[in-house]
Amino acid sequence: MDRASFTLRLPKATRSALEGLSKIERRPVNQLVNDAVDLYLRQSGDAEKDLVATLDALNKYRASDPGYSKAMAAFVEAEAAGAAEDSVEGTVVVDEGGTAAGSPQGSPAVTLNA
């Protein structure tokens, strides 16, 4: 395996902890750092694979419903059924003049249910 040298700047406390671990495990600091970097890269690779799989699934879904007509129909059906209270729905609040303070003439304010 080809190796390349480079400077790594660590906080003194981190360097001290590595030196202590090196003595306990009887392994060089360099080996500990190499193992830590390898582990990090493997874990990052797993996360990247998950993202790629998610993107692939999204692309397949988009291909199966290009205009989102099925998704919109399902949404309309769920809204029409009104089976459960929607925490994102708002309540229109209108003052005596027909508008809310600070809102443009003729447009009521909407407050979200808490």
N, C-alpha and C. Protein backbone atom coordinates (compact mmCIF):
# COMPACT_ATOMS: atom_id res chain seq x y z
N MET A 1 0.85 -1.18 0.00
CA MET A 1 0.00 0.00 0.00
C MET A 1 0.89 1.24 0.00
N ASP A 2 0.65 2.12 -0.95
CA ASP A 2 1.41 3.37 -1.00
C ASP A 2 0.96 4.28 0.13
N ARG A 3 1.91 4.92 0.74
CA ARG A 3 1.60 5.84 1.83
C ARG A 3 2.15 7.20 1.51
N ALA A 4 1.45 8.23 1.95
CA ALA A 4 1.90 9.60 1.76
C ALA A 4 1.90 10.29 3.12
N SER A 5 2.89 11.10 3.34
CA SER A 5 3.00 11.84 4.59
C SER A 5 2.32 13.19 4.45
N PHE A 6 1.72 13.66 5.54
CA PHE A 6 1.18 15.01 5.58
C PHE A 6 1.11 15.45 7.03
N THR A 7 0.98 16.73 7.23
CA THR A 7 0.93 17.28 8.59
C THR A 7 -0.51 17.29 9.07
N LEU A 8 -0.71 16.81 10.28
CA LEU A 8 -2.03 16.78 10.89
C LEU A 8 -1.96 17.59 12.18
N ARG A 9 -2.75 18.64 12.26
CA ARG A 9 -2.75 19.48 13.46
C ARG A 9 -3.93 19.08 14.34
N LEU A 10 -3.61 18.68 15.55
CA LEU A 10 -4.63 18.25 16.52
C LEU A 10 -4.55 19.13 17.76
N PRO A 11 -5.66 19.31 18.45
CA PRO A 11 -5.59 19.99 19.74
C PRO A 11 -4.69 19.19 20.69
N LYS A 12 -4.03 19.90 21.61
CA LYS A 12 -3.11 19.22 22.53
C LYS A 12 -3.80 18.12 23.32
N ALA A 13 -5.04 18.36 23.73
CA ALA A 13 -5.77 17.35 24.51
C ALA A 13 -6.01 16.09 23.67
N THR A 14 -6.31 16.25 22.40
CA THR A 14 -6.53 15.10 21.51
C THR A 14 -5.24 14.33 21.32
N ARG A 15 -4.16 15.05 21.09
CA ARG A 15 -2.86 14.40 20.91
C ARG A 15 -2.49 13.64 22.19
N SER A 16 -2.72 14.24 23.33
CA SER A 16 -2.41 13.60 24.61
C SER A 16 -3.25 12.34 24.80
N ALA A 17 -4.53 12.41 24.44
CA ALA A 17 -5.40 11.24 24.56
C ALA A 17 -4.93 10.13 23.63
N LEU A 18 -4.52 10.49 22.42
CA LEU A 18 -4.01 9.49 21.49
C LEU A 18 -2.74 8.83 22.02
N GLU A 19 -1.86 9.62 22.60
CA GLU A 19 -0.63 9.05 23.16
C GLU A 19 -0.94 8.10 24.31
N GLY A 20 -1.92 8.47 25.14
CA GLY A 20 -2.32 7.58 26.24
C GLY A 20 -2.91 6.28 25.71
N LEU A 21 -3.77 6.39 24.71
CA LEU A 21 -4.37 5.20 24.10
C LEU A 21 -3.31 4.34 23.43
N SER A 22 -2.32 4.99 22.82
CA SER A 22 -1.22 4.29 22.17
C SER A 22 -0.47 3.42 23.18
N LYS A 23 -0.24 3.96 24.36
CA LYS A 23 0.46 3.19 25.40
C LYS A 23 -0.39 2.03 25.89
N ILE A 24 -1.70 2.29 26.08
CA ILE A 24 -2.59 1.24 26.58
C ILE A 24 -2.70 0.10 25.58
N GLU A 25 -2.91 0.45 24.32
CA GLU A 25 -3.10 -0.57 23.28
C GLU A 25 -1.80 -1.09 22.68
N ARG A 26 -0.68 -0.44 23.06
CA ARG A 26 0.63 -0.81 22.52
C ARG A 26 0.63 -0.79 20.99
N ARG A 27 0.06 0.30 20.47
CA ARG A 27 0.00 0.52 19.02
C ARG A 27 0.45 1.95 18.77
N PRO A 28 1.13 2.22 17.68
CA PRO A 28 1.58 3.57 17.39
C PRO A 28 0.41 4.52 17.15
N VAL A 29 0.60 5.79 17.50
CA VAL A 29 -0.42 6.83 17.28
C VAL A 29 -0.81 6.85 15.80
N ASN A 30 0.16 6.71 14.92
CA ASN A 30 -0.12 6.72 13.49
C ASN A 30 -1.13 5.64 13.12
N GLN A 31 -0.96 4.46 13.69
CA GLN A 31 -1.88 3.36 13.38
C GLN A 31 -3.28 3.67 13.92
N LEU A 32 -3.36 4.24 15.11
CA LEU A 32 -4.66 4.61 15.68
C LEU A 32 -5.38 5.62 14.80
N VAL A 33 -4.63 6.62 14.32
CA VAL A 33 -5.22 7.65 13.46
C VAL A 33 -5.66 7.03 12.13
N ASN A 34 -4.81 6.18 11.54
CA ASN A 34 -5.18 5.51 10.29
C ASN A 34 -6.46 4.68 10.45
N ASP A 35 -6.54 3.93 11.54
CA ASP A 35 -7.74 3.11 11.79
C ASP A 35 -8.98 3.99 11.96
N ALA A 36 -8.84 5.11 12.67
CA ALA A 36 -9.96 6.02 12.89
C ALA A 36 -10.43 6.64 11.57
N VAL A 37 -9.51 7.04 10.73
CA VAL A 37 -9.86 7.62 9.43
C VAL A 37 -10.53 6.57 8.55
N ASP A 38 -9.99 5.36 8.52
CA ASP A 38 -10.60 4.28 7.74
C ASP A 38 -12.04 4.01 8.19
N LEU A 39 -12.25 3.95 9.50
CA LEU A 39 -13.60 3.72 10.03
C LEU A 39 -14.54 4.84 9.62
N TYR A 40 -14.09 6.08 9.74
CA TYR A 40 -14.90 7.23 9.36
C TYR A 40 -15.29 7.16 7.88
N LEU A 41 -14.34 6.83 7.03
CA LEU A 41 -14.62 6.77 5.60
C LEU A 41 -15.59 5.64 5.26
N ARG A 42 -15.48 4.51 5.95
CA ARG A 42 -16.43 3.41 5.72
C ARG A 42 -17.83 3.81 6.13
N GLN A 43 -17.95 4.47 7.29
CA GLN A 43 -19.27 4.91 7.76
C GLN A 43 -19.85 5.97 6.83
N SER A 44 -19.03 6.89 6.36
CA SER A 44 -19.49 7.91 5.43
C SER A 44 -19.96 7.27 4.13
N GLY A 45 -19.25 6.24 3.70
CA GLY A 45 -19.63 5.52 2.48
C GLY A 45 -20.99 4.87 2.62
N ASP A 46 -21.31 4.34 3.82
CA ASP A 46 -22.61 3.73 4.06
C ASP A 46 -23.72 4.79 3.96
N ALA A 47 -23.47 5.96 4.51
CA ALA A 47 -24.46 7.04 4.44
C ALA A 47 -24.68 7.46 3.00
N GLU A 48 -23.60 7.52 2.23
CA GLU A 48 -23.71 7.89 0.82
C GLU A 48 -24.52 6.85 0.05
N LYS A 49 -24.30 5.57 0.36
CA LYS A 49 -25.07 4.51 -0.29
C LYS A 49 -26.56 4.65 0.02
N ASP A 50 -26.88 4.99 1.28
CA ASP A 50 -28.28 5.20 1.66
C ASP A 50 -28.89 6.35 0.87
N LEU A 51 -28.13 7.43 0.70
CA LEU A 51 -28.63 8.58 -0.07
C LEU A 51 -28.85 8.20 -1.53
N VAL A 52 -27.94 7.44 -2.09
CA VAL A 52 -28.08 7.01 -3.48
C VAL A 52 -29.32 6.13 -3.63
N ALA A 53 -29.54 5.22 -2.69
CA ALA A 53 -30.72 4.35 -2.74
C ALA A 53 -32.00 5.18 -2.63
N THR A 54 -32.01 6.17 -1.77
CA THR A 54 -33.18 7.05 -1.62
C THR A 54 -33.43 7.82 -2.90
N LEU A 55 -32.38 8.34 -3.51
CA LEU A 55 -32.52 9.07 -4.77
C LEU A 55 -33.04 8.16 -5.87
N ASP A 56 -32.55 6.94 -5.93
CA ASP A 56 -33.04 5.98 -6.93
C ASP A 56 -34.53 5.71 -6.73
N ALA A 57 -34.95 5.52 -5.49
CA ALA A 57 -36.37 5.28 -5.20
C ALA A 57 -37.22 6.48 -5.60
N LEU A 58 -36.73 7.68 -5.33
CA LEU A 58 -37.45 8.89 -5.71
C LEU A 58 -37.56 9.00 -7.23
N ASN A 59 -36.50 8.71 -7.94
CA ASN A 59 -36.53 8.76 -9.41
C ASN A 59 -37.52 7.73 -9.97
N LYS A 60 -37.57 6.53 -9.38
CA LYS A 60 -38.53 5.52 -9.82
C LYS A 60 -39.96 5.99 -9.58
N TYR A 61 -40.19 6.61 -8.41
CA TYR A 61 -41.52 7.13 -8.11
C TYR A 61 -41.91 8.22 -9.10
N ARG A 62 -41.00 9.13 -9.38
CA ARG A 62 -41.28 10.20 -10.34
C ARG A 62 -41.61 9.63 -11.72
N ALA A 63 -40.91 8.59 -12.12
CA ALA A 63 -41.17 7.96 -13.42
C ALA A 63 -42.53 7.29 -13.44
N SER A 64 -42.98 6.77 -12.30
CA SER A 64 -44.27 6.08 -12.25
C SER A 64 -45.44 7.05 -12.20
N ASP A 65 -45.20 8.31 -11.82
CA ASP A 65 -46.26 9.32 -11.73
C ASP A 65 -45.69 10.66 -12.17
N PRO A 66 -45.33 10.78 -13.47
CA PRO A 66 -44.60 11.96 -13.94
C PRO A 66 -45.28 13.30 -13.68
N GLY A 67 -46.58 13.37 -13.79
CA GLY A 67 -47.28 14.64 -13.55
C GLY A 67 -47.81 14.74 -12.14
N TYR A 68 -47.46 13.78 -11.29
CA TYR A 68 -47.92 13.70 -9.92
C TYR A 68 -49.45 13.61 -9.83
N SER A 69 -50.09 13.13 -10.91
CA SER A 69 -51.55 13.06 -10.90
C SER A 69 -52.07 12.07 -9.86
N LYS A 70 -51.39 10.92 -9.70
CA LYS A 70 -51.80 9.96 -8.67
C LYS A 70 -51.62 10.55 -7.28
N ALA A 71 -50.50 11.23 -7.07
CA ALA A 71 -50.23 11.83 -5.76
C ALA A 71 -51.25 12.92 -5.44
N MET A 72 -51.57 13.75 -6.45
CA MET A 72 -52.55 14.81 -6.22
C MET A 72 -53.93 14.23 -5.95
N ALA A 73 -54.30 13.18 -6.67
CA ALA A 73 -55.60 12.54 -6.45
C ALA A 73 -55.68 11.97 -5.03
N ALA A 74 -54.60 11.34 -4.58
CA ALA A 74 -54.58 10.79 -3.22
C ALA A 74 -54.69 11.90 -2.18
N PHE A 75 -54.03 13.03 -2.44
CA PHE A 75 -54.09 14.16 -1.52
C PHE A 75 -55.51 14.72 -1.46
N VAL A 76 -56.14 14.91 -2.62
CA VAL A 76 -57.50 15.45 -2.68
C VAL A 76 -58.45 14.50 -1.96
N GLU A 77 -58.29 13.21 -2.19
CA GLU A 77 -59.13 12.21 -1.53
C GLU A 77 -58.99 12.30 -0.01
N ALA A 78 -57.76 12.42 0.47
CA ALA A 78 -57.53 12.50 1.92
C ALA A 78 -58.11 13.79 2.49
N GLU A 79 -57.96 14.89 1.77
CA GLU A 79 -58.51 16.17 2.24
C GLU A 79 -60.03 16.12 2.27
N ALA A 80 -60.62 15.52 1.23
CA ALA A 80 -62.08 15.44 1.16
C ALA A 80 -62.64 14.56 2.26
N ALA A 81 -61.90 13.51 2.61
CA ALA A 81 -62.36 12.61 3.66
C ALA A 81 -62.34 13.31 5.01
N GLY A 82 -61.37 14.18 5.23
CA GLY A 82 -61.28 14.94 6.48
C GLY A 82 -61.32 14.07 7.71
N ALA A 83 -60.69 12.92 7.63
CA ALA A 83 -60.77 11.94 8.71
C ALA A 83 -60.16 12.43 10.01
N ALA A 84 -59.12 13.20 9.95
CA ALA A 84 -58.45 13.63 11.18
C ALA A 84 -58.18 15.13 11.11
N GLU A 85 -58.03 15.73 12.27
CA GLU A 85 -57.71 17.15 12.31
C GLU A 85 -56.29 17.34 11.79
N ASP A 86 -56.13 18.31 10.94
CA ASP A 86 -54.83 18.58 10.31
C ASP A 86 -54.14 19.68 11.11
N SER A 87 -53.03 19.38 11.72
CA SER A 87 -52.34 20.36 12.56
C SER A 87 -51.74 21.49 11.74
N VAL A 88 -51.68 21.36 10.42
CA VAL A 88 -51.10 22.40 9.59
C VAL A 88 -52.18 23.35 9.07
N GLU A 89 -53.43 22.94 9.16
CA GLU A 89 -54.52 23.81 8.72
C GLU A 89 -54.55 25.06 9.59
N GLY A 90 -54.95 26.17 9.03
CA GLY A 90 -55.03 27.42 9.77
C GLY A 90 -56.46 27.82 10.04
N THR A 91 -56.62 28.86 10.83
CA THR A 91 -57.91 29.43 11.13
C THR A 91 -57.89 30.87 10.64
N VAL A 92 -58.88 31.25 9.85
CA VAL A 92 -58.95 32.61 9.35
C VAL A 92 -59.44 33.51 10.47
N VAL A 93 -58.70 34.59 10.71
CA VAL A 93 -59.05 35.55 11.74
C VAL A 93 -59.29 36.89 11.07
N VAL A 94 -60.52 37.42 11.18
CA VAL A 94 -60.88 38.67 10.51
C VAL A 94 -61.34 39.67 11.57
N ASP A 95 -60.85 40.93 11.47
CA ASP A 95 -61.31 41.95 12.41
C ASP A 95 -62.63 42.54 11.92
N GLU A 96 -63.16 43.50 12.66
CA GLU A 96 -64.45 44.07 12.32
C GLU A 96 -64.48 44.70 10.93
N GLY A 97 -63.36 45.21 10.46
CA GLY A 97 -63.30 45.86 9.16
C GLY A 97 -63.15 44.87 8.01
N GLY A 98 -63.11 43.59 8.30
CA GLY A 98 -62.99 42.60 7.24
C GLY A 98 -61.56 42.19 6.94
N THR A 99 -60.58 42.84 7.56
CA THR A 99 -59.18 42.47 7.37
C THR A 99 -58.51 42.40 8.73
N ALA A 100 -57.35 41.80 8.75
CA ALA A 100 -56.57 41.76 9.97
C ALA A 100 -55.62 42.93 9.99
N ALA A 101 -55.27 43.38 11.17
CA ALA A 101 -54.34 44.49 11.29
C ALA A 101 -53.05 44.16 10.56
N GLY A 102 -52.59 45.06 9.71
CA GLY A 102 -51.33 44.87 9.00
C GLY A 102 -51.45 44.07 7.72
N SER A 103 -52.62 43.50 7.43
CA SER A 103 -52.74 42.73 6.19
C SER A 103 -53.32 43.62 5.11
N PRO A 104 -53.05 43.31 3.85
CA PRO A 104 -53.58 44.13 2.76
C PRO A 104 -55.11 44.13 2.77
N GLN A 105 -55.69 45.19 2.28
CA GLN A 105 -57.14 45.32 2.25
C GLN A 105 -57.76 44.11 1.54
N GLY A 106 -58.73 43.49 2.20
CA GLY A 106 -59.43 42.39 1.58
C GLY A 106 -58.79 41.03 1.75
N SER A 107 -57.64 40.97 2.42
CA SER A 107 -57.03 39.64 2.62
C SER A 107 -56.94 39.37 4.11
N PRO A 108 -57.73 38.40 4.59
CA PRO A 108 -57.72 38.09 6.02
C PRO A 108 -56.41 37.43 6.43
N ALA A 109 -56.07 37.58 7.70
CA ALA A 109 -54.88 36.92 8.24
C ALA A 109 -55.20 35.48 8.54
N VAL A 110 -54.20 34.64 8.51
CA VAL A 110 -54.37 33.22 8.86
C VAL A 110 -53.43 32.92 10.00
N THR A 111 -53.97 32.35 11.07
CA THR A 111 -53.12 31.91 12.18
C THR A 111 -53.15 30.40 12.23
N LEU A 112 -52.04 29.80 12.55
CA LEU A 112 -51.98 28.35 12.64
C LEU A 112 -52.49 27.89 13.99
N ASN A 113 -53.20 26.77 13.99
CA ASN A 113 -53.65 26.18 15.24
C ASN A 113 -52.45 25.73 16.03
N ALA A 114 -52.48 25.92 17.33
CA ALA A 114 -51.36 25.50 18.16
C ALA A 114 -51.67 24.20 18.86
